[in-house]
Amino acid sequence: MLRSQRTRRVAGTDSPPVVAARPRTKPAEVRREELMDAAERLFLQKGIAATSVDDIVAAADVAKGTFYLHFDSKETLLLALQQRFVMGFCDRLQTAMDRRDRDDWAGRLRAWITAGVNGYLDQVALHDVVFHEFRPDDRRGKHDNPAVDQLATLLDQGAQAGAWQVEDPRLTAVMLFNALHGAVDDAVAAKAKVNRAALVRTLDTFFRRAVVIT
């Protein structure tokens, strides 16, 4: 990409014009991601309460006004971090399922479980910061869960294909998601090295019984 340029000639000389390049401005979406990345690092290092907006803009090397072009407050930024975490988590689940054959419903379900366990454990520190340290008082946020929606879709499609029997895909997905979440939380709380393979096997058995695979 060519930079916008302006020229000036050095006074009293026959030297060629000096080209002065205008400074580049990063796209808004890049600045926003940089602010979120800086905040994420600081929250992990210091915690949310100990991190100020001034800390975030200093780490991102931007003016304070730039922060408020993208976020109304630190709380708004935290909500954006939560959303980014969830979307990245769901992308990981979807990628894992897509690696299985479309008709391999049991395999797709196990892929969802495996990716869910690994995705949670791989980012448990970030998860705990953005979801446990910061909890907006909004029950609707628990209902609007893309991971639950994703699992409900899988259960519904599998039921329509005759792979299993699920009376209420949405409610079943809510219960199974919370089973996985609770099982991983319990394993982490035990303060011992988590046996991921064993945890996946146990959850896979539980999920299979819940959906009554035919």
N, C-alpha and C. Protein backbone atom coordinates (compact mmCIF):
# COMPACT_ATOMS: atom_id res chain seq x y z
N MET A 1 0.85 -1.18 0.00
CA MET A 1 0.00 0.00 0.00
C MET A 1 0.89 1.24 0.00
N LEU A 2 0.58 2.21 -0.86
CA LEU A 2 1.38 3.42 -0.94
C LEU A 2 0.91 4.41 0.11
N ARG A 3 1.87 5.04 0.78
CA ARG A 3 1.51 6.05 1.76
C ARG A 3 1.15 7.35 1.05
N SER A 4 0.23 8.10 1.67
CA SER A 4 -0.04 9.44 1.19
C SER A 4 1.21 10.27 1.44
N GLN A 5 1.60 11.10 0.49
CA GLN A 5 2.84 11.82 0.62
C GLN A 5 2.64 13.29 0.30
N ARG A 6 3.50 14.13 0.88
CA ARG A 6 3.56 15.51 0.48
C ARG A 6 5.04 15.87 0.36
N THR A 7 5.37 16.83 -0.45
CA THR A 7 6.77 17.15 -0.71
C THR A 7 7.07 18.59 -0.34
N ARG A 8 8.34 18.84 -0.03
CA ARG A 8 8.80 20.21 0.19
C ARG A 8 10.24 20.30 -0.32
N ARG A 9 10.61 21.45 -0.85
CA ARG A 9 11.96 21.64 -1.35
C ARG A 9 12.78 22.40 -0.31
N VAL A 10 14.00 21.94 -0.08
CA VAL A 10 14.88 22.59 0.89
C VAL A 10 15.26 23.96 0.34
N ALA A 11 15.01 25.01 1.14
CA ALA A 11 15.25 26.39 0.69
C ALA A 11 16.72 26.62 0.37
N GLY A 12 16.98 27.38 -0.74
CA GLY A 12 18.33 27.78 -1.11
C GLY A 12 19.17 26.69 -1.72
N THR A 13 18.57 25.59 -2.11
CA THR A 13 19.35 24.51 -2.72
C THR A 13 18.63 24.02 -3.95
N ASP A 14 19.36 23.26 -4.74
CA ASP A 14 18.75 22.62 -5.90
C ASP A 14 18.46 21.15 -5.61
N SER A 15 18.47 20.81 -4.31
CA SER A 15 18.24 19.41 -3.93
C SER A 15 16.84 18.98 -4.34
N PRO A 16 16.67 17.69 -4.61
CA PRO A 16 15.32 17.20 -4.96
C PRO A 16 14.38 17.36 -3.77
N PRO A 17 13.11 17.43 -4.03
CA PRO A 17 12.14 17.60 -2.94
C PRO A 17 12.27 16.50 -1.89
N VAL A 18 12.07 16.87 -0.63
CA VAL A 18 12.06 15.89 0.46
C VAL A 18 10.64 15.36 0.62
N VAL A 19 10.53 14.06 0.61
CA VAL A 19 9.20 13.44 0.73
C VAL A 19 8.90 13.19 2.20
N ALA A 20 7.81 13.75 2.68
CA ALA A 20 7.40 13.55 4.07
C ALA A 20 6.17 12.64 4.10
N ALA A 21 6.34 11.47 4.69
CA ALA A 21 5.23 10.52 4.75
C ALA A 21 4.32 10.83 5.92
N ARG A 22 3.04 10.77 5.68
CA ARG A 22 2.08 10.97 6.76
C ARG A 22 2.07 9.73 7.66
N PRO A 23 1.94 9.92 8.96
CA PRO A 23 1.90 8.76 9.85
C PRO A 23 0.67 7.92 9.58
N ARG A 24 0.85 6.63 9.66
CA ARG A 24 -0.27 5.73 9.45
C ARG A 24 -1.13 5.65 10.70
N THR A 25 -2.41 5.52 10.50
CA THR A 25 -3.34 5.30 11.60
C THR A 25 -3.86 3.88 11.49
N LYS A 26 -3.78 3.14 12.58
CA LYS A 26 -4.22 1.75 12.55
C LYS A 26 -5.74 1.69 12.43
N PRO A 27 -6.25 0.68 11.74
CA PRO A 27 -7.71 0.52 11.65
C PRO A 27 -8.32 0.39 13.04
N ALA A 28 -9.56 0.83 13.16
CA ALA A 28 -10.23 0.83 14.46
C ALA A 28 -10.28 -0.56 15.08
N GLU A 29 -10.53 -1.58 14.24
CA GLU A 29 -10.65 -2.93 14.79
C GLU A 29 -9.31 -3.43 15.34
N VAL A 30 -8.20 -2.96 14.74
CA VAL A 30 -6.88 -3.34 15.24
C VAL A 30 -6.61 -2.68 16.58
N ARG A 31 -6.92 -1.39 16.68
CA ARG A 31 -6.75 -0.67 17.95
C ARG A 31 -7.58 -1.33 19.05
N ARG A 32 -8.79 -1.70 18.70
CA ARG A 32 -9.68 -2.31 19.69
C ARG A 32 -9.10 -3.63 20.21
N GLU A 33 -8.59 -4.44 19.28
CA GLU A 33 -7.99 -5.71 19.68
C GLU A 33 -6.74 -5.49 20.52
N GLU A 34 -5.95 -4.48 20.18
CA GLU A 34 -4.75 -4.18 20.96
C GLU A 34 -5.10 -3.76 22.38
N LEU A 35 -6.14 -2.97 22.53
CA LEU A 35 -6.59 -2.59 23.86
C LEU A 35 -7.06 -3.81 24.65
N MET A 36 -7.79 -4.69 23.99
CA MET A 36 -8.27 -5.90 24.66
C MET A 36 -7.11 -6.81 25.03
N ASP A 37 -6.13 -6.94 24.14
CA ASP A 37 -4.96 -7.77 24.43
C ASP A 37 -4.19 -7.23 25.62
N ALA A 38 -4.01 -5.91 25.64
CA ALA A 38 -3.28 -5.28 26.75
C ALA A 38 -4.03 -5.49 28.07
N ALA A 39 -5.34 -5.29 28.04
CA ALA A 39 -6.14 -5.47 29.24
C ALA A 39 -6.09 -6.92 29.71
N GLU A 40 -6.17 -7.84 28.78
CA GLU A 40 -6.14 -9.26 29.13
C GLU A 40 -4.84 -9.61 29.85
N ARG A 41 -3.71 -9.13 29.32
CA ARG A 41 -2.42 -9.41 29.96
C ARG A 41 -2.38 -8.83 31.38
N LEU A 42 -2.85 -7.61 31.53
CA LEU A 42 -2.82 -6.96 32.84
C LEU A 42 -3.76 -7.63 33.83
N PHE A 43 -4.94 -8.01 33.37
CA PHE A 43 -5.89 -8.68 34.26
C PHE A 43 -5.31 -10.00 34.77
N LEU A 44 -4.60 -10.71 33.89
CA LEU A 44 -3.99 -11.97 34.30
C LEU A 44 -2.84 -11.74 35.28
N GLN A 45 -2.11 -10.64 35.08
CA GLN A 45 -0.96 -10.35 35.94
C GLN A 45 -1.36 -9.75 37.28
N LYS A 46 -2.31 -8.80 37.24
CA LYS A 46 -2.61 -8.00 38.43
C LYS A 46 -4.01 -8.21 38.99
N GLY A 47 -4.89 -8.76 38.18
CA GLY A 47 -6.29 -8.84 38.57
C GLY A 47 -7.05 -7.64 38.05
N ILE A 48 -8.36 -7.76 38.01
CA ILE A 48 -9.20 -6.70 37.44
C ILE A 48 -9.21 -5.46 38.33
N ALA A 49 -9.40 -5.65 39.62
CA ALA A 49 -9.52 -4.50 40.53
C ALA A 49 -8.27 -3.64 40.54
N ALA A 50 -7.11 -4.28 40.40
CA ALA A 50 -5.84 -3.54 40.49
C ALA A 50 -5.42 -2.92 39.16
N THR A 51 -6.19 -3.15 38.11
CA THR A 51 -5.86 -2.62 36.79
C THR A 51 -6.78 -1.45 36.45
N SER A 52 -6.18 -0.33 36.12
CA SER A 52 -6.96 0.87 35.78
C SER A 52 -6.96 1.09 34.27
N VAL A 53 -7.83 1.97 33.83
CA VAL A 53 -7.84 2.35 32.41
C VAL A 53 -6.50 2.96 32.03
N ASP A 54 -5.90 3.73 32.93
CA ASP A 54 -4.58 4.32 32.66
C ASP A 54 -3.54 3.22 32.42
N ASP A 55 -3.61 2.15 33.20
CA ASP A 55 -2.68 1.03 33.01
C ASP A 55 -2.87 0.41 31.62
N ILE A 56 -4.13 0.27 31.23
CA ILE A 56 -4.43 -0.39 29.95
C ILE A 56 -3.93 0.44 28.77
N VAL A 57 -4.18 1.75 28.79
CA VAL A 57 -3.76 2.58 27.66
C VAL A 57 -2.24 2.68 27.61
N ALA A 58 -1.60 2.66 28.77
CA ALA A 58 -0.13 2.69 28.78
C ALA A 58 0.43 1.41 28.18
N ALA A 59 -0.16 0.28 28.53
CA ALA A 59 0.31 -1.00 27.99
C ALA A 59 0.04 -1.12 26.50
N ALA A 60 -1.05 -0.51 26.04
CA ALA A 60 -1.39 -0.56 24.61
C ALA A 60 -0.71 0.56 23.82
N ASP A 61 -0.06 1.49 24.54
CA ASP A 61 0.65 2.62 23.92
C ASP A 61 -0.30 3.48 23.08
N VAL A 62 -1.43 3.84 23.70
CA VAL A 62 -2.39 4.73 23.03
C VAL A 62 -2.81 5.81 24.02
N ALA A 63 -3.41 6.86 23.49
CA ALA A 63 -3.93 7.92 24.34
C ALA A 63 -5.20 7.44 25.05
N LYS A 64 -5.48 8.05 26.19
CA LYS A 64 -6.66 7.64 26.96
C LYS A 64 -7.94 7.87 26.16
N GLY A 65 -7.95 8.92 25.36
CA GLY A 65 -9.13 9.19 24.54
C GLY A 65 -9.42 8.06 23.57
N THR A 66 -8.37 7.38 23.11
CA THR A 66 -8.55 6.26 22.18
C THR A 66 -9.32 5.13 22.85
N PHE A 67 -9.04 4.92 24.13
CA PHE A 67 -9.77 3.88 24.87
C PHE A 67 -11.27 4.14 24.80
N TYR A 68 -11.65 5.40 25.06
CA TYR A 68 -13.08 5.73 25.14
C TYR A 68 -13.75 5.84 23.77
N LEU A 69 -12.96 5.78 22.71
CA LEU A 69 -13.56 5.65 21.38
C LEU A 69 -14.11 4.25 21.17
N HIS A 70 -13.55 3.29 21.91
CA HIS A 70 -13.92 1.89 21.71
C HIS A 70 -14.74 1.30 22.86
N PHE A 71 -14.52 1.80 24.07
CA PHE A 71 -15.20 1.25 25.24
C PHE A 71 -15.68 2.38 26.15
N ASP A 72 -16.87 2.22 26.69
CA ASP A 72 -17.40 3.23 27.60
C ASP A 72 -16.71 3.20 28.96
N SER A 73 -16.21 2.02 29.33
CA SER A 73 -15.63 1.84 30.66
C SER A 73 -14.82 0.55 30.69
N LYS A 74 -14.16 0.31 31.80
CA LYS A 74 -13.44 -0.95 31.98
C LYS A 74 -14.42 -2.12 31.96
N GLU A 75 -15.61 -1.91 32.51
CA GLU A 75 -16.62 -2.96 32.54
C GLU A 75 -17.07 -3.34 31.12
N THR A 76 -17.20 -2.34 30.26
CA THR A 76 -17.58 -2.62 28.87
C THR A 76 -16.50 -3.44 28.17
N LEU A 77 -15.25 -3.11 28.45
CA LEU A 77 -14.14 -3.88 27.88
C LEU A 77 -14.18 -5.32 28.39
N LEU A 78 -14.50 -5.50 29.66
CA LEU A 78 -14.58 -6.85 30.22
C LEU A 78 -15.67 -7.67 29.55
N LEU A 79 -16.79 -7.04 29.26
CA LEU A 79 -17.86 -7.74 28.54
C LEU A 79 -17.38 -8.17 27.15
N ALA A 80 -16.58 -7.31 26.52
CA ALA A 80 -16.03 -7.64 25.20
C ALA A 80 -15.05 -8.81 25.31
N LEU A 81 -14.27 -8.85 26.39
CA LEU A 81 -13.35 -9.97 26.60
C LEU A 81 -14.11 -11.27 26.84
N GLN A 82 -15.21 -11.18 27.57
CA GLN A 82 -16.04 -12.37 27.77
C GLN A 82 -16.56 -12.89 26.43
N GLN A 83 -17.05 -11.97 25.62
CA GLN A 83 -17.59 -12.37 24.32
C GLN A 83 -16.50 -12.98 23.44
N ARG A 84 -15.31 -12.39 23.46
CA ARG A 84 -14.22 -12.92 22.65
C ARG A 84 -13.83 -14.32 23.12
N PHE A 85 -13.82 -14.51 24.44
CA PHE A 85 -13.49 -15.83 24.98
C PHE A 85 -14.51 -16.87 24.51
N VAL A 86 -15.79 -16.53 24.64
CA VAL A 86 -16.84 -17.48 24.28
C VAL A 86 -16.80 -17.81 22.79
N MET A 87 -16.60 -16.80 21.95
CA MET A 87 -16.59 -17.06 20.51
C MET A 87 -15.37 -17.90 20.12
N GLY A 88 -14.23 -17.64 20.75
CA GLY A 88 -13.05 -18.47 20.48
C GLY A 88 -13.26 -19.90 20.94
N PHE A 89 -13.91 -20.06 22.09
CA PHE A 89 -14.22 -21.38 22.63
C PHE A 89 -15.15 -22.13 21.68
N CYS A 90 -16.19 -21.46 21.21
CA CYS A 90 -17.14 -22.10 20.30
C CYS A 90 -16.51 -22.43 18.95
N ASP A 91 -15.62 -21.57 18.47
CA ASP A 91 -14.92 -21.87 17.22
C ASP A 91 -14.09 -23.14 17.37
N ARG A 92 -13.48 -23.30 18.53
CA ARG A 92 -12.69 -24.51 18.79
C ARG A 92 -13.58 -25.75 18.80
N LEU A 93 -14.74 -25.64 19.42
CA LEU A 93 -15.68 -26.76 19.45
C LEU A 93 -16.14 -27.12 18.04
N GLN A 94 -16.48 -26.09 17.26
CA GLN A 94 -16.98 -26.33 15.91
C GLN A 94 -15.91 -26.95 15.02
N THR A 95 -14.69 -26.48 15.14
CA THR A 95 -13.59 -27.03 14.34
C THR A 95 -13.39 -28.51 14.66
N ALA A 96 -13.48 -28.85 15.94
CA ALA A 96 -13.32 -30.25 16.35
C ALA A 96 -14.43 -31.12 15.77
N MET A 97 -15.67 -30.63 15.82
CA MET A 97 -16.78 -31.41 15.26
C MET A 97 -16.67 -31.55 13.76
N ASP A 98 -16.22 -30.49 13.10
CA ASP A 98 -16.14 -30.51 11.63
C ASP A 98 -15.09 -31.50 11.12
N ARG A 99 -14.19 -31.92 11.98
CA ARG A 99 -13.18 -32.90 11.57
C ARG A 99 -13.77 -34.32 11.49
N ARG A 100 -14.94 -34.49 12.05
CA ARG A 100 -15.61 -35.80 12.01
C ARG A 100 -16.59 -35.84 10.85
N ASP A 101 -16.89 -37.04 10.38
CA ASP A 101 -17.86 -37.20 9.30
C ASP A 101 -19.21 -36.65 9.74
N ARG A 102 -19.95 -36.11 8.79
CA ARG A 102 -21.24 -35.51 9.10
C ARG A 102 -22.20 -36.50 9.75
N ASP A 103 -22.10 -37.78 9.37
CA ASP A 103 -23.02 -38.79 9.89
C ASP A 103 -22.49 -39.48 11.15
N ASP A 104 -21.31 -39.12 11.59
CA ASP A 104 -20.72 -39.73 12.79
C ASP A 104 -21.17 -38.92 14.01
N TRP A 105 -22.41 -39.12 14.40
CA TRP A 105 -22.98 -38.29 15.46
C TRP A 105 -22.31 -38.54 16.81
N ALA A 106 -22.05 -39.79 17.13
CA ALA A 106 -21.37 -40.09 18.40
C ALA A 106 -19.96 -39.49 18.40
N GLY A 107 -19.30 -39.56 17.24
CA GLY A 107 -17.96 -38.99 17.12
C GLY A 107 -17.98 -37.47 17.25
N ARG A 108 -18.99 -36.84 16.67
CA ARG A 108 -19.10 -35.38 16.76
C ARG A 108 -19.40 -34.95 18.20
N LEU A 109 -20.21 -35.74 18.89
CA LEU A 109 -20.51 -35.43 20.29
C LEU A 109 -19.25 -35.56 21.14
N ARG A 110 -18.50 -36.63 20.92
CA ARG A 110 -17.26 -36.81 21.68
C ARG A 110 -16.25 -35.71 21.34
N ALA A 111 -16.22 -35.30 20.08
CA ALA A 111 -15.31 -34.21 19.68
C ALA A 111 -15.68 -32.92 20.42
N TRP A 112 -16.98 -32.67 20.56
CA TRP A 112 -17.43 -31.48 21.30
C TRP A 112 -16.97 -31.56 22.76
N ILE A 113 -17.12 -32.74 23.36
CA ILE A 113 -16.70 -32.92 24.75
C ILE A 113 -15.20 -32.71 24.89
N THR A 114 -14.43 -33.36 24.02
CA THR A 114 -12.96 -33.28 24.10
C THR A 114 -12.48 -31.85 23.93
N ALA A 115 -13.01 -31.17 22.93
CA ALA A 115 -12.61 -29.78 22.69
C ALA A 115 -13.06 -28.88 23.84
N GLY A 116 -14.21 -29.20 24.43
CA GLY A 116 -14.70 -28.41 25.56
C GLY A 116 -13.79 -28.54 26.77
N VAL A 117 -13.41 -29.77 27.08
CA VAL A 117 -12.51 -30.00 28.22
C VAL A 117 -11.16 -29.33 27.99
N ASN A 118 -10.58 -29.56 26.82
CA ASN A 118 -9.25 -28.98 26.54
C ASN A 118 -9.30 -27.46 26.43
N GLY A 119 -10.37 -26.95 25.81
CA GLY A 119 -10.49 -25.51 25.66
C GLY A 119 -10.61 -24.80 26.99
N TYR A 120 -11.34 -25.40 27.90
CA TYR A 120 -11.51 -24.82 29.23
C TYR A 120 -10.19 -24.89 30.01
N LEU A 121 -9.59 -26.07 30.03
CA LEU A 121 -8.35 -26.25 30.80
C LEU A 121 -7.20 -25.41 30.24
N ASP A 122 -7.13 -25.28 28.93
CA ASP A 122 -6.04 -24.51 28.33
C ASP A 122 -6.11 -23.03 28.68
N GLN A 123 -7.31 -22.54 28.98
CA GLN A 123 -7.47 -21.11 29.26
C GLN A 123 -8.18 -20.87 30.59
N VAL A 124 -7.96 -21.77 31.53
CA VAL A 124 -8.70 -21.66 32.79
C VAL A 124 -8.36 -20.38 33.55
N ALA A 125 -7.11 -19.92 33.47
CA ALA A 125 -6.74 -18.69 34.18
C ALA A 125 -7.50 -17.49 33.62
N LEU A 126 -7.54 -17.39 32.29
CA LEU A 126 -8.28 -16.29 31.66
C LEU A 126 -9.77 -16.42 31.94
N HIS A 127 -10.29 -17.62 31.85
CA HIS A 127 -11.71 -17.85 32.13
C HIS A 127 -12.07 -17.36 33.53
N ASP A 128 -11.24 -17.73 34.50
CA ASP A 128 -11.56 -17.37 35.88
C ASP A 128 -11.50 -15.86 36.11
N VAL A 129 -10.57 -15.19 35.42
CA VAL A 129 -10.47 -13.74 35.57
C VAL A 129 -11.70 -13.05 35.00
N VAL A 130 -12.04 -13.36 33.75
CA VAL A 130 -13.10 -12.58 33.09
C VAL A 130 -14.51 -13.03 33.48
N PHE A 131 -14.64 -14.27 34.00
CA PHE A 131 -15.98 -14.72 34.37
C PHE A 131 -16.20 -14.81 35.88
N HIS A 132 -15.15 -15.03 36.65
CA HIS A 132 -15.32 -15.15 38.10
C HIS A 132 -15.03 -13.85 38.83
N GLU A 133 -13.99 -13.12 38.39
CA GLU A 133 -13.70 -11.85 39.05
C GLU A 133 -14.71 -10.78 38.66
N PHE A 134 -15.27 -10.91 37.47
CA PHE A 134 -16.23 -9.92 36.97
C PHE A 134 -17.53 -10.64 36.66
N ARG A 135 -18.56 -10.33 37.42
CA ARG A 135 -19.84 -11.00 37.24
C ARG A 135 -20.98 -9.98 37.18
N PRO A 136 -21.32 -9.50 36.00
CA PRO A 136 -22.47 -8.59 35.92
C PRO A 136 -23.74 -9.31 36.36
N ASP A 137 -24.56 -8.62 37.10
CA ASP A 137 -25.77 -9.22 37.66
C ASP A 137 -26.84 -9.30 36.58
N ASP A 138 -26.73 -10.33 35.74
CA ASP A 138 -27.64 -10.45 34.61
C ASP A 138 -27.87 -11.93 34.31
N ARG A 139 -29.00 -12.46 34.75
CA ARG A 139 -29.29 -13.87 34.52
C ARG A 139 -29.43 -14.17 33.03
N ARG A 140 -29.82 -13.15 32.26
CA ARG A 140 -29.98 -13.35 30.82
C ARG A 140 -28.67 -13.77 30.18
N GLY A 141 -27.56 -13.26 30.73
CA GLY A 141 -26.26 -13.61 30.19
C GLY A 141 -25.97 -15.10 30.29
N LYS A 142 -26.50 -15.74 31.34
CA LYS A 142 -26.31 -17.18 31.49
C LYS A 142 -27.17 -17.94 30.49
N HIS A 143 -28.33 -17.37 30.16
CA HIS A 143 -29.22 -18.03 29.20
C HIS A 143 -28.68 -17.92 27.78
N ASP A 144 -28.14 -16.76 27.44
CA ASP A 144 -27.63 -16.53 26.09
C ASP A 144 -26.20 -17.06 26.00
N ASN A 145 -26.09 -18.38 25.91
CA ASN A 145 -24.79 -19.04 25.90
C ASN A 145 -24.58 -19.72 24.55
N PRO A 146 -23.71 -19.19 23.69
CA PRO A 146 -23.50 -19.78 22.37
C PRO A 146 -23.04 -21.23 22.41
N ALA A 147 -22.29 -21.62 23.45
CA ALA A 147 -21.84 -23.01 23.55
C ALA A 147 -23.02 -23.94 23.80
N VAL A 148 -23.96 -23.51 24.62
CA VAL A 148 -25.17 -24.30 24.85
C VAL A 148 -26.00 -24.37 23.56
N ASP A 149 -26.12 -23.24 22.87
CA ASP A 149 -26.87 -23.23 21.61
C ASP A 149 -26.24 -24.19 20.60
N GLN A 150 -24.93 -24.19 20.56
CA GLN A 150 -24.21 -25.07 19.63
C GLN A 150 -24.48 -26.54 19.95
N LEU A 151 -24.42 -26.88 21.23
CA LEU A 151 -24.68 -28.26 21.63
C LEU A 151 -26.14 -28.63 21.39
N ALA A 152 -27.05 -27.71 21.65
CA ALA A 152 -28.47 -27.97 21.41
C ALA A 152 -28.73 -28.27 19.93
N THR A 153 -28.06 -27.53 19.06
CA THR A 153 -28.19 -27.77 17.62
C THR A 153 -27.69 -29.16 17.25
N LEU A 154 -26.54 -29.55 17.81
CA LEU A 154 -26.00 -30.88 17.55
C LEU A 154 -26.97 -31.96 18.03
N LEU A 155 -27.51 -31.79 19.22
CA LEU A 155 -28.43 -32.79 19.77
C LEU A 155 -29.71 -32.88 18.94
N ASP A 156 -30.21 -31.73 18.50
CA ASP A 156 -31.43 -31.71 17.70
C ASP A 156 -31.19 -32.38 16.34
N GLN A 157 -30.07 -32.06 15.71
CA GLN A 157 -29.78 -32.65 14.40
C GLN A 157 -29.56 -34.15 14.51
N GLY A 158 -28.86 -34.57 15.57
CA GLY A 158 -28.63 -36.00 15.77
C GLY A 158 -29.93 -36.75 16.03
N ALA A 159 -30.84 -36.12 16.77
CA ALA A 159 -32.14 -36.75 17.04
C ALA A 159 -32.94 -36.89 15.75
N GLN A 160 -32.91 -35.86 14.92
CA GLN A 160 -33.64 -35.92 13.65
C GLN A 160 -33.05 -36.98 12.72
N ALA A 161 -31.75 -37.23 12.86
CA ALA A 161 -31.10 -38.26 12.03
C ALA A 161 -31.28 -39.66 12.62
N GLY A 162 -31.89 -39.75 13.80
CA GLY A 162 -32.12 -41.04 14.43
C GLY A 162 -30.92 -41.60 15.18
N ALA A 163 -29.94 -40.73 15.47
CA ALA A 163 -28.73 -41.19 16.16
C ALA A 163 -28.95 -41.37 17.65
N TRP A 164 -29.87 -40.61 18.22
CA TRP A 164 -30.18 -40.70 19.64
C TRP A 164 -31.58 -40.17 19.91
N GLN A 165 -32.01 -40.30 21.15
CA GLN A 165 -33.34 -39.84 21.53
C GLN A 165 -33.20 -38.71 22.55
N VAL A 166 -33.66 -37.53 22.16
CA VAL A 166 -33.60 -36.36 23.04
C VAL A 166 -34.95 -35.67 23.00
N GLU A 167 -35.62 -35.64 24.12
CA GLU A 167 -36.96 -35.04 24.15
C GLU A 167 -36.89 -33.52 24.04
N ASP A 168 -35.94 -32.91 24.73
CA ASP A 168 -35.81 -31.44 24.74
C ASP A 168 -34.33 -31.10 24.53
N PRO A 169 -33.91 -30.87 23.27
CA PRO A 169 -32.49 -30.61 23.00
C PRO A 169 -31.91 -29.44 23.77
N ARG A 170 -32.67 -28.36 23.90
CA ARG A 170 -32.16 -27.17 24.59
C ARG A 170 -31.92 -27.46 26.07
N LEU A 171 -32.90 -28.03 26.74
CA LEU A 171 -32.75 -28.32 28.17
C LEU A 171 -31.66 -29.35 28.40
N THR A 172 -31.59 -30.35 27.53
CA THR A 172 -30.54 -31.36 27.65
C THR A 172 -29.16 -30.73 27.47
N ALA A 173 -29.05 -29.81 26.52
CA ALA A 173 -27.78 -29.12 26.29
C ALA A 173 -27.37 -28.29 27.50
N VAL A 174 -28.33 -27.63 28.13
CA VAL A 174 -28.04 -26.84 29.33
C VAL A 174 -27.47 -27.75 30.42
N MET A 175 -28.10 -28.89 30.64
CA MET A 175 -27.65 -29.80 31.70
C MET A 175 -26.29 -30.40 31.37
N LEU A 176 -26.07 -30.78 30.12
CA LEU A 176 -24.80 -31.39 29.74
C LEU A 176 -23.66 -30.38 29.77
N PHE A 177 -23.93 -29.16 29.31
CA PHE A 177 -22.89 -28.13 29.36
C PHE A 177 -22.46 -27.88 30.80
N ASN A 178 -23.44 -27.77 31.69
CA ASN A 178 -23.11 -27.52 33.09
C ASN A 178 -22.44 -28.72 33.75
N ALA A 179 -22.74 -29.92 33.25
CA ALA A 179 -22.04 -31.11 33.75
C ALA A 179 -20.56 -31.04 33.38
N LEU A 180 -20.28 -30.68 32.12
CA LEU A 180 -18.88 -30.55 31.69
C LEU A 180 -18.19 -29.43 32.46
N HIS A 181 -18.84 -28.30 32.55
CA HIS A 181 -18.26 -27.14 33.25
C HIS A 181 -17.97 -27.50 34.71
N GLY A 182 -18.91 -28.15 35.36
CA GLY A 182 -18.73 -28.51 36.76
C GLY A 182 -17.64 -29.56 36.95
N ALA A 183 -17.57 -30.52 36.03
CA ALA A 183 -16.55 -31.57 36.14
C ALA A 183 -15.15 -30.99 35.99
N VAL A 184 -14.98 -30.07 35.05
CA VAL A 184 -13.67 -29.44 34.86
C VAL A 184 -13.34 -28.56 36.06
N ASP A 185 -14.30 -27.80 36.55
CA ASP A 185 -14.08 -26.97 37.74
C ASP A 185 -13.62 -27.83 38.92
N ASP A 186 -14.28 -28.96 39.11
CA ASP A 186 -13.94 -29.83 40.23
C ASP A 186 -12.53 -30.39 40.07
N ALA A 187 -12.17 -30.75 38.84
CA ALA A 187 -10.84 -31.28 38.59
C ALA A 187 -9.77 -30.23 38.84
N VAL A 188 -10.04 -28.99 38.44
CA VAL A 188 -9.08 -27.90 38.66
C VAL A 188 -8.95 -27.61 40.15
N ALA A 189 -10.08 -27.62 40.86
CA ALA A 189 -10.08 -27.31 42.29
C ALA A 189 -9.31 -28.34 43.10
N ALA A 190 -9.15 -29.55 42.57
CA ALA A 190 -8.45 -30.61 43.29
C ALA A 190 -6.95 -30.33 43.40
N LYS A 191 -6.45 -29.34 42.64
CA LYS A 191 -5.05 -28.91 42.71
C LYS A 191 -4.06 -29.99 42.28
N ALA A 192 -4.54 -30.99 41.59
CA ALA A 192 -3.66 -32.04 41.07
C ALA A 192 -3.67 -31.97 39.55
N LYS A 193 -2.71 -32.62 38.92
CA LYS A 193 -2.67 -32.64 37.47
C LYS A 193 -3.92 -33.33 36.94
N VAL A 194 -4.61 -32.68 36.03
CA VAL A 194 -5.87 -33.22 35.52
C VAL A 194 -5.58 -34.29 34.47
N ASN A 195 -6.18 -35.45 34.65
CA ASN A 195 -6.10 -36.52 33.65
C ASN A 195 -7.18 -36.24 32.61
N ARG A 196 -6.80 -35.55 31.56
CA ARG A 196 -7.78 -35.11 30.57
C ARG A 196 -8.47 -36.27 29.88
N ALA A 197 -7.71 -37.29 29.53
CA ALA A 197 -8.29 -38.43 28.81
C ALA A 197 -9.34 -39.12 29.67
N ALA A 198 -9.05 -39.31 30.95
CA ALA A 198 -10.00 -39.96 31.85
C ALA A 198 -11.25 -39.10 32.03
N LEU A 199 -11.04 -37.79 32.13
CA LEU A 199 -12.18 -36.88 32.28
C LEU A 199 -13.07 -36.92 31.05
N VAL A 200 -12.47 -36.93 29.88
CA VAL A 200 -13.25 -37.00 28.63
C VAL A 200 -14.02 -38.32 28.57
N ARG A 201 -13.38 -39.42 28.93
CA ARG A 201 -14.07 -40.72 28.90
C ARG A 201 -15.28 -40.73 29.82
N THR A 202 -15.12 -40.19 31.01
CA THR A 202 -16.23 -40.16 31.97
C THR A 202 -17.37 -39.30 31.45
N LEU A 203 -17.04 -38.15 30.93
CA LEU A 203 -18.08 -37.26 30.39
C LEU A 203 -18.74 -37.87 29.16
N ASP A 204 -17.97 -38.53 28.33
CA ASP A 204 -18.53 -39.16 27.13
C ASP A 204 -19.55 -40.23 27.52
N THR A 205 -19.22 -41.02 28.53
CA THR A 205 -20.16 -42.04 29.01
C THR A 205 -21.43 -41.40 29.55
N PHE A 206 -21.27 -40.32 30.30
CA PHE A 206 -22.42 -39.61 30.87
C PHE A 206 -23.29 -39.01 29.77
N PHE A 207 -22.66 -38.37 28.80
CA PHE A 207 -23.41 -37.76 27.70
C PHE A 207 -24.17 -38.82 26.91
N ARG A 208 -23.52 -39.94 26.64
CA ARG A 208 -24.17 -41.01 25.86
C ARG A 208 -25.41 -41.54 26.57
N ARG A 209 -25.31 -41.69 27.87
CA ARG A 209 -26.47 -42.16 28.63
C ARG A 209 -27.59 -41.12 28.62
N ALA A 210 -27.20 -39.86 28.65
CA ALA A 210 -28.20 -38.79 28.69
C ALA A 210 -28.99 -38.70 27.39
N VAL A 211 -28.33 -38.96 26.26
CA VAL A 211 -29.02 -38.81 24.97
C VAL A 211 -29.57 -40.12 24.43
N VAL A 212 -29.30 -41.23 25.11
CA VAL A 212 -29.81 -42.55 24.71
C VAL A 212 -29.45 -42.83 23.24
N ILE A 213 -28.18 -43.08 23.00
CA ILE A 213 -27.71 -43.37 21.64
C ILE A 213 -28.35 -44.66 21.14
N THR A 214 -28.90 -44.61 19.93
CA THR A 214 -29.60 -45.78 19.37
C THR A 214 -28.68 -46.61 18.49
